[in-house]
C-alpha atoms as a PDB file:
ATOM      1  CA  MET A   1     114.229 -13.869 -49.451  1.00  0.00           C
ATOM      2  CA  ALA A   2     111.451 -15.241 -51.568  1.00  0.00           C
ATOM      3  CA  ASP A   3     112.179 -17.856 -54.205  1.00  0.00           C
ATOM      4  CA  GLN A   4     113.174 -16.403 -57.552  1.00  0.00           C
ATOM      5  CA  PRO A   5     110.097 -15.861 -59.743  1.00  0.00           C
ATOM      6  CA  LEU A   6     109.236 -18.441 -62.370  1.00  0.00           C
ATOM      7  CA  THR A   7     107.841 -16.289 -65.168  1.00  0.00           C
ATOM      8  CA  ALA A   8     110.164 -14.663 -67.700  1.00  0.00           C
ATOM      9  CA  ARG A   9     108.705 -11.241 -66.894  1.00  0.00           C
ATOM     10  CA  GLY A  10     109.101 -11.808 -63.147  1.00  0.00           C
ATOM     11  CA  ALA A  11     112.679 -13.000 -63.615  1.00  0.00           C
ATOM     12  CA  ALA A  12     113.477  -9.883 -65.655  1.00  0.00           C
ATOM     13  CA  THR A  13     112.001  -7.662 -62.939  1.00  0.00           C
ATOM     14  CA  TYR A  14     113.938  -9.553 -60.265  1.00  0.00           C
ATOM     15  CA  GLN A  15     117.183  -9.056 -62.213  1.00  0.00           C
ATOM     16  CA  ARG A  16     116.507  -5.340 -62.797  1.00  0.00           C
ATOM     17  CA  ILE A  17     115.947  -4.867 -59.063  1.00  0.00           C
ATOM     18  CA  LEU A  18     119.254  -6.584 -58.297  1.00  0.00           C
ATOM     19  CA  GLU A  19     121.175  -4.508 -60.843  1.00  0.00           C
ATOM     20  CA  VAL A  20     119.700  -1.168 -59.782  1.00  0.00           C
ATOM     21  CA  ALA A  21     119.933  -1.950 -56.077  1.00  0.00           C
ATOM     22  CA  THR A  22     123.582  -3.005 -56.397  1.00  0.00           C
ATOM     23  CA  GLN A  23     124.455   0.472 -57.628  1.00  0.00           C
ATOM     24  CA  GLU A  24     122.179   2.148 -55.076  1.00  0.00           C
ATOM     25  CA  PHE A  25     123.695   0.277 -52.126  1.00  0.00           C
ATOM     26  CA  ALA A  26     127.251   0.698 -53.428  1.00  0.00           C
ATOM     27  CA  ARG A  27     126.705   4.447 -53.722  1.00  0.00           C
ATOM     28  CA  HIS A  28     124.674   5.137 -50.578  1.00  0.00           C
ATOM     29  CA  GLY A  29     125.100   2.208 -48.178  1.00  0.00           C
ATOM     30  CA  ILE A  30     122.306   0.362 -46.438  1.00  0.00           C
ATOM     31  CA  ALA A  31     120.933   3.274 -44.439  1.00  0.00           C
ATOM     32  CA  GLY A  32     121.252   5.760 -47.298  1.00  0.00           C
ATOM     33  CA  ALA A  33     119.764   3.570 -50.025  1.00  0.00           C
ATOM     34  CA  ARG A  34     116.188   4.443 -50.914  1.00  0.00           C
ATOM     35  CA  VAL A  35     113.648   1.831 -51.964  1.00  0.00           C
ATOM     36  CA  GLU A  36     111.783   4.554 -53.889  1.00  0.00           C
ATOM     37  CA  ARG A  37     114.822   5.170 -56.122  1.00  0.00           C
ATOM     38  CA  ILE A  38     115.381   1.450 -56.607  1.00  0.00           C
ATOM     39  CA  VAL A  39     111.830   0.653 -57.691  1.00  0.00           C
ATOM     40  CA  ALA A  40     111.638   3.730 -59.945  1.00  0.00           C
ATOM     41  CA  ALA A  41     114.875   2.867 -61.750  1.00  0.00           C
ATOM     42  CA  ALA A  42     113.947  -0.845 -61.908  1.00  0.00           C
ATOM     43  CA  ARG A  43     110.493   0.023 -63.324  1.00  0.00           C
ATOM     44  CA  THR A  44     108.631  -1.899 -60.647  1.00  0.00           C
ATOM     45  CA  ASN A  45     106.950  -1.199 -57.319  1.00  0.00           C
ATOM     46  CA  LYS A  46     107.611  -1.643 -53.623  1.00  0.00           C
ATOM     47  CA  ALA A  47     105.182  -4.536 -53.319  1.00  0.00           C
ATOM     48  CA  GLN A  48     107.114  -6.496 -55.936  1.00  0.00           C
ATOM     49  CA  LEU A  49     110.461  -5.725 -54.312  1.00  0.00           C
ATOM     50  CA  TYR A  50     109.195  -6.799 -50.892  1.00  0.00           C
ATOM     51  CA  ALA A  51     107.607  -9.935 -52.354  1.00  0.00           C
ATOM     52  CA  TYR A  52     110.980 -10.985 -53.769  1.00  0.00           C
ATOM     53  CA  PHE A  53     113.297  -9.882 -50.950  1.00  0.00           C
ATOM     54  CA  GLY A  54     111.174  -9.275 -47.831  1.00  0.00           C
ATOM     55  CA  SER A  55     112.811  -5.971 -46.911  1.00  0.00           C
ATOM     56  CA  LYS A  56     115.481  -3.491 -47.924  1.00  0.00           C
ATOM     57  CA  GLU A  57     117.895  -5.388 -45.670  1.00  0.00           C
ATOM     58  CA  GLY A  58     116.925  -8.686 -47.329  1.00  0.00           C
ATOM     59  CA  LEU A  59     117.656  -7.104 -50.711  1.00  0.00           C
ATOM     60  CA  PHE A  60     121.068  -5.928 -49.499  1.00  0.00           C
ATOM     61  CA  ASP A  61     121.828  -9.410 -48.130  1.00  0.00           C
ATOM     62  CA  ALA A  62     120.945 -11.030 -51.463  1.00  0.00           C
ATOM     63  CA  ILE A  63     123.177  -8.606 -53.348  1.00  0.00           C
ATOM     64  CA  PHE A  64     126.042  -8.763 -50.881  1.00  0.00           C
ATOM     65  CA  LEU A  65     126.110 -12.562 -50.666  1.00  0.00           C
ATOM     66  CA  GLY A  66     125.897 -12.686 -54.451  1.00  0.00           C
ATOM     67  CA  SER A  67     128.906 -10.363 -54.676  1.00  0.00           C
ATOM     68  CA  LEU A  68     130.910 -12.658 -52.396  1.00  0.00           C
ATOM     69  CA  GLU A  69     130.025 -15.629 -54.590  1.00  0.00           C
ATOM     70  CA  ARG A  70     131.011 -13.668 -57.687  1.00  0.00           C
ATOM     71  CA  ILE A  71     134.480 -12.919 -56.300  1.00  0.00           C
ATOM     72  CA  VAL A  72     134.976 -16.582 -55.345  1.00  0.00           C
ATOM     73  CA  ASN A  73     133.840 -17.813 -58.768  1.00  0.00           C
ATOM     74  CA  VAL A  74     135.373 -15.155 -60.996  1.00  0.00           C
ATOM     75  CA  VAL A  75     138.664 -14.939 -59.083  1.00  0.00           C
ATOM     76  CA  PRO A  76     139.299 -18.442 -57.728  1.00  0.00           C
ATOM     77  CA  ILE A  77     142.267 -18.838 -55.449  1.00  0.00           C
ATOM     78  CA  ASP A  78     145.504 -20.421 -56.598  1.00  0.00           C
ATOM     79  CA  ALA A  79     147.388 -20.999 -53.352  1.00  0.00           C
ATOM     80  CA  ASP A  80     150.445 -22.124 -55.312  1.00  0.00           C
ATOM     81  CA  ASP A  81     150.582 -18.576 -56.720  1.00  0.00           C
ATOM     82  CA  LEU A  82     148.998 -16.194 -54.229  1.00  0.00           C
ATOM     83  CA  ALA A  83     150.742 -13.283 -55.954  1.00  0.00           C
ATOM     84  CA  ASP A  84     148.823 -13.974 -59.159  1.00  0.00           C
ATOM     85  CA  TRP A  85     145.594 -14.309 -57.154  1.00  0.00           C
ATOM     86  CA  ALA A  86     146.214 -10.853 -55.640  1.00  0.00           C
ATOM     87  CA  VAL A  87     146.693  -9.359 -59.107  1.00  0.00           C
ATOM     88  CA  ARG A  88     143.512 -11.002 -60.387  1.00  0.00           C
ATOM     89  CA  LEU A  89     141.652  -9.542 -57.378  1.00  0.00           C
ATOM     90  CA  TYR A  90     143.112  -6.109 -58.211  1.00  0.00           C
ATOM     91  CA  ASP A  91     141.769  -6.462 -61.749  1.00  0.00           C
ATOM     92  CA  GLU A  92     138.322  -7.502 -60.515  1.00  0.00           C
ATOM     93  CA  TYR A  93     138.150  -4.430 -58.263  1.00  0.00           C
ATOM     94  CA  LEU A  94     138.862  -2.301 -61.339  1.00  0.00           C
ATOM     95  CA  ARG A  95     136.097  -4.068 -63.276  1.00  0.00           C
ATOM     96  CA  ARG A  96     133.564  -4.075 -60.435  1.00  0.00           C
ATOM     97  CA  PRO A  97     134.313  -1.369 -57.852  1.00  0.00           C
ATOM     98  CA  ASP A  98     130.746  -1.732 -56.580  1.00  0.00           C
ATOM     99  CA  LEU A  99     131.605  -5.137 -55.077  1.00  0.00           C
ATOM    100  CA  ILE A 100     134.228  -3.633 -52.773  1.00  0.00           C
ATOM    101  CA  ARG A 101     131.957  -0.756 -51.853  1.00  0.00           C
ATOM    102  CA  LEU A 102     129.225  -3.210 -50.842  1.00  0.00           C
ATOM    103  CA  ALA A 103     131.651  -5.034 -48.552  1.00  0.00           C
ATOM    104  CA  THR A 104     132.718  -1.726 -47.040  1.00  0.00           C
ATOM    105  CA  TRP A 105     129.139  -0.710 -46.310  1.00  0.00           C
ATOM    106  CA  ALA A 106     128.529  -4.115 -44.735  1.00  0.00           C
ATOM    107  CA  ARG A 107     131.580  -3.558 -42.529  1.00  0.00           C
ATOM    108  CA  LEU A 108     130.580  -0.010 -41.584  1.00  0.00           C
ATOM    109  CA  GLU A 109     126.876  -0.580 -41.042  1.00  0.00           C
ATOM    110  CA  ARG A 110     126.620  -4.210 -39.993  1.00  0.00           C
ATOM    111  CA  ARG A 111     129.853  -5.814 -38.789  1.00  0.00           C
ATOM    112  CA  PRO A 112     132.371  -3.365 -37.348  1.00  0.00           C
ATOM    113  CA  ALA A 113     134.424  -6.251 -35.896  1.00  0.00           C
ATOM    114  CA  GLY A 114     135.073  -9.915 -36.553  1.00  0.00           C
ATOM    115  CA  HIS A 115     134.174 -11.760 -39.750  1.00  0.00           C
ATOM    116  CA  LEU A 116     132.228  -9.816 -42.346  1.00  0.00           C
ATOM    117  CA  VAL A 117     129.569 -12.540 -42.639  1.00  0.00           C
ATOM    118  CA  ASP A 118     128.206 -15.354 -40.499  1.00  0.00           C
ATOM    119  CA  ASP A 119     130.164 -18.612 -40.590  1.00  0.00           C
ATOM    120  CA  PRO A 120     127.751 -20.427 -42.957  1.00  0.00           C
ATOM    121  CA  ASP A 121     128.117 -17.590 -45.501  1.00  0.00           C
ATOM    122  CA  ARG A 122     131.909 -17.136 -45.352  1.00  0.00           C
ATOM    123  CA  LEU A 123     132.782 -19.102 -48.519  1.00  0.00           C
ATOM    124  CA  ASP A 124     136.442 -19.320 -47.538  1.00  0.00           C
ATOM    125  CA  ASP A 125     136.790 -23.008 -46.618  1.00  0.00           C
ATOM    126  CA  ARG A 126     138.258 -23.899 -50.014  1.00  0.00           C
ATOM    127  CA  LYS A 127     140.679 -20.958 -49.869  1.00  0.00           C
ATOM    128  CA  LEU A 128     141.868 -21.869 -46.392  1.00  0.00           C
ATOM    129  CA  ARG A 129     142.344 -25.528 -47.352  1.00  0.00           C
ATOM    130  CA  ALA A 130     144.295 -24.515 -50.450  1.00  0.00           C
ATOM    131  CA  ILE A 131     146.587 -22.259 -48.423  1.00  0.00           C
ATOM    132  CA  ALA A 132     147.122 -24.986 -45.793  1.00  0.00           C
ATOM    133  CA  GLU A 133     148.009 -27.459 -48.561  1.00  0.00           C
ATOM    134  CA  ALA A 134     150.470 -24.986 -50.082  1.00  0.00           C
ATOM    135  CA  GLN A 135     151.990 -24.521 -46.641  1.00  0.00           C
ATOM    136  CA  ALA A 136     152.311 -28.281 -46.188  1.00  0.00           C
ATOM    137  CA  ALA A 137     154.030 -28.459 -49.596  1.00  0.00           C
ATOM    138  CA  GLY A 138     156.516 -25.808 -48.474  1.00  0.00           C
ATOM    139  CA  LEU A 139     155.323 -23.174 -50.947  1.00  0.00           C
ATOM    140  CA  VAL A 140     153.683 -20.726 -48.553  1.00  0.00           C
ATOM    141  CA  ARG A 141     155.132 -19.467 -45.292  1.00  0.00           C
ATOM    142  CA  GLN A 142     153.781 -20.849 -42.058  1.00  0.00           C
ATOM    143  CA  GLY A 143     151.056 -19.004 -40.202  1.00  0.00           C
ATOM    144  CA  ASP A 144     147.332 -19.171 -39.791  1.00  0.00           C
ATOM    145  CA  PRO A 145     145.880 -19.735 -43.290  1.00  0.00           C
ATOM    146  CA  PHE A 146     143.148 -17.191 -42.545  1.00  0.00           C
ATOM    147  CA  ASP A 147     145.738 -14.549 -41.673  1.00  0.00           C
ATOM    148  CA  ILE A 148     147.704 -15.307 -44.846  1.00  0.00           C
ATOM    149  CA  MET A 149     144.516 -14.987 -46.900  1.00  0.00           C
ATOM    150  CA  ALA A 150     143.510 -11.753 -45.134  1.00  0.00           C
ATOM    151  CA  MET A 151     146.941 -10.230 -45.752  1.00  0.00           C
ATOM    152  CA  VAL A 152     146.919 -11.096 -49.462  1.00  0.00           C
ATOM    153  CA  ILE A 153     143.406  -9.697 -49.877  1.00  0.00           C
ATOM    154  CA  ALA A 154     144.396  -6.507 -48.034  1.00  0.00           C
ATOM    155  CA  MET A 155     147.423  -6.085 -50.293  1.00  0.00           C
ATOM    156  CA  SER A 156     145.239  -6.594 -53.364  1.00  0.00           C
ATOM    157  CA  MET A 157     143.008  -3.751 -52.150  1.00  0.00           C
ATOM    158  CA  ALA A 158     145.839  -1.199 -51.829  1.00  0.00           C
ATOM    159  CA  TRP A 159     144.448   0.858 -54.747  1.00  0.00           C
ATOM    160  CA  SER A 160     140.821  -0.291 -54.536  1.00  0.00           C
ATOM    161  CA  PRO A 161     137.803   2.023 -54.142  1.00  0.00           C
ATOM    162  CA  VAL A 162     138.140   1.702 -50.363  1.00  0.00           C
ATOM    163  CA  SER A 163     141.825   2.644 -50.175  1.00  0.00           C
ATOM    164  CA  ASN A 164     142.532   5.388 -47.681  1.00  0.00           C
ATOM    165  CA  VAL A 165     145.487   6.445 -49.845  1.00  0.00           C
ATOM    166  CA  TYR A 166     144.459   6.287 -53.523  1.00  0.00           C
ATOM    167  CA  ALA A 167     141.544   4.718 -55.391  1.00  0.00           C
ATOM    168  CA  ALA A 168     142.464   3.536 -58.880  1.00  0.00           C
ATOM    169  CA  THR A 169     140.005   3.413 -61.769  1.00  0.00           C
ATOM    170  CA  ALA A 170     139.864   1.400 -64.959  1.00  0.00           C
ATOM    171  CA  GLN A 171     140.182   4.667 -66.910  1.00  0.00           C
ATOM    172  CA  GLU A 172     143.790   5.227 -65.810  1.00  0.00           C
ATOM    173  CA  PRO A 173     146.608   4.424 -68.276  1.00  0.00           C
ATOM    174  CA  SER A 174     147.289   0.712 -68.676  1.00  0.00           C
ATOM    175  CA  GLU A 175     150.999   1.322 -68.001  1.00  0.00           C
ATOM    176  CA  LEU A 176     150.103   2.556 -64.516  1.00  0.00           C
ATOM    177  CA  HIS A 177     148.055  -0.573 -63.831  1.00  0.00           C
ATOM    178  CA  ASP A 178     150.906  -2.729 -65.132  1.00  0.00           C
ATOM    179  CA  GLN A 179     153.314  -1.020 -62.701  1.00  0.00           C
ATOM    180  CA  ARG A 180     150.945  -1.624 -59.802  1.00  0.00           C
ATOM    181  CA  ARG A 181     150.393  -5.242 -60.817  1.00  0.00           C
ATOM    182  CA  ALA A 182     154.149  -5.841 -60.933  1.00  0.00           C
ATOM    183  CA  LEU A 183     154.656  -4.230 -57.513  1.00  0.00           C
ATOM    184  CA  LEU A 184     151.722  -6.133 -56.034  1.00  0.00           C
ATOM    185  CA  ARG A 185     152.881  -9.455 -57.499  1.00  0.00           C
ATOM    186  CA  ASP A 186     156.413  -8.999 -56.188  1.00  0.00           C
ATOM    187  CA  SER A 187     155.290  -7.767 -52.758  1.00  0.00           C
ATOM    188  CA  VAL A 188     152.839 -10.606 -52.200  1.00  0.00           C
ATOM    189  CA  ARG A 189     155.380 -13.154 -53.390  1.00  0.00           C
ATOM    190  CA  ARG A 190     157.972 -11.815 -50.923  1.00  0.00           C
ATOM    191  CA  ALA A 191     155.411 -11.706 -48.104  1.00  0.00           C
ATOM    192  CA  VAL A 192     153.975 -15.214 -48.440  1.00  0.00           C
ATOM    193  CA  THR A 193     156.615 -17.422 -50.026  1.00  0.00           C
ATOM    194  CA  ALA A 194     158.177 -19.920 -47.655  1.00  0.00           C
ATOM    195  CA  ASP A 195     161.816 -19.101 -46.871  1.00  0.00           C
ATOM    196  CA  HIS A 196     163.151 -22.231 -48.562  1.00  0.00           C
ATOM    197  CA  ALA A 197     160.817 -22.204 -51.575  1.00  0.00           C
END
């Protein structure tokens, strides 16, 4: 990916491309996304898009890695209260369903097995350390910290846009979301709390 442009106009174009392409990729995946639709909606041209991102795949990578960073920054882990972390993830999926869809397309089209991203891009070192520290303090059950993290994330996605049972939306009644949050909080707490905690 090219360095972000320095001019105010270039930066605005760069941002418009990212915003439009996020929705395009979330809706259609990598293979189904069309550069023509992206540049038309972003009011730019293919040459500009390719100058900034190199290719359609480079654009997807920039958006996808940015979405991973957003989740880490907006919903930081609290290993002392993984149940609350799961609920905050649930809320973020309601706010930004496109982020989960991007991860699903990456899984379907790029990485059908193993980690979703290469090791340098995983961004889970801090989470894994926090879980290991909570385990050492007797707050979280024993087990591989990665597996604990994966289980909590999976539970948080029970009603997400990629659920194979039911996809919740922010437009549903708040009472329904409160019921799900309470169930999620209690279920995660029961699943990950150390027996003696």
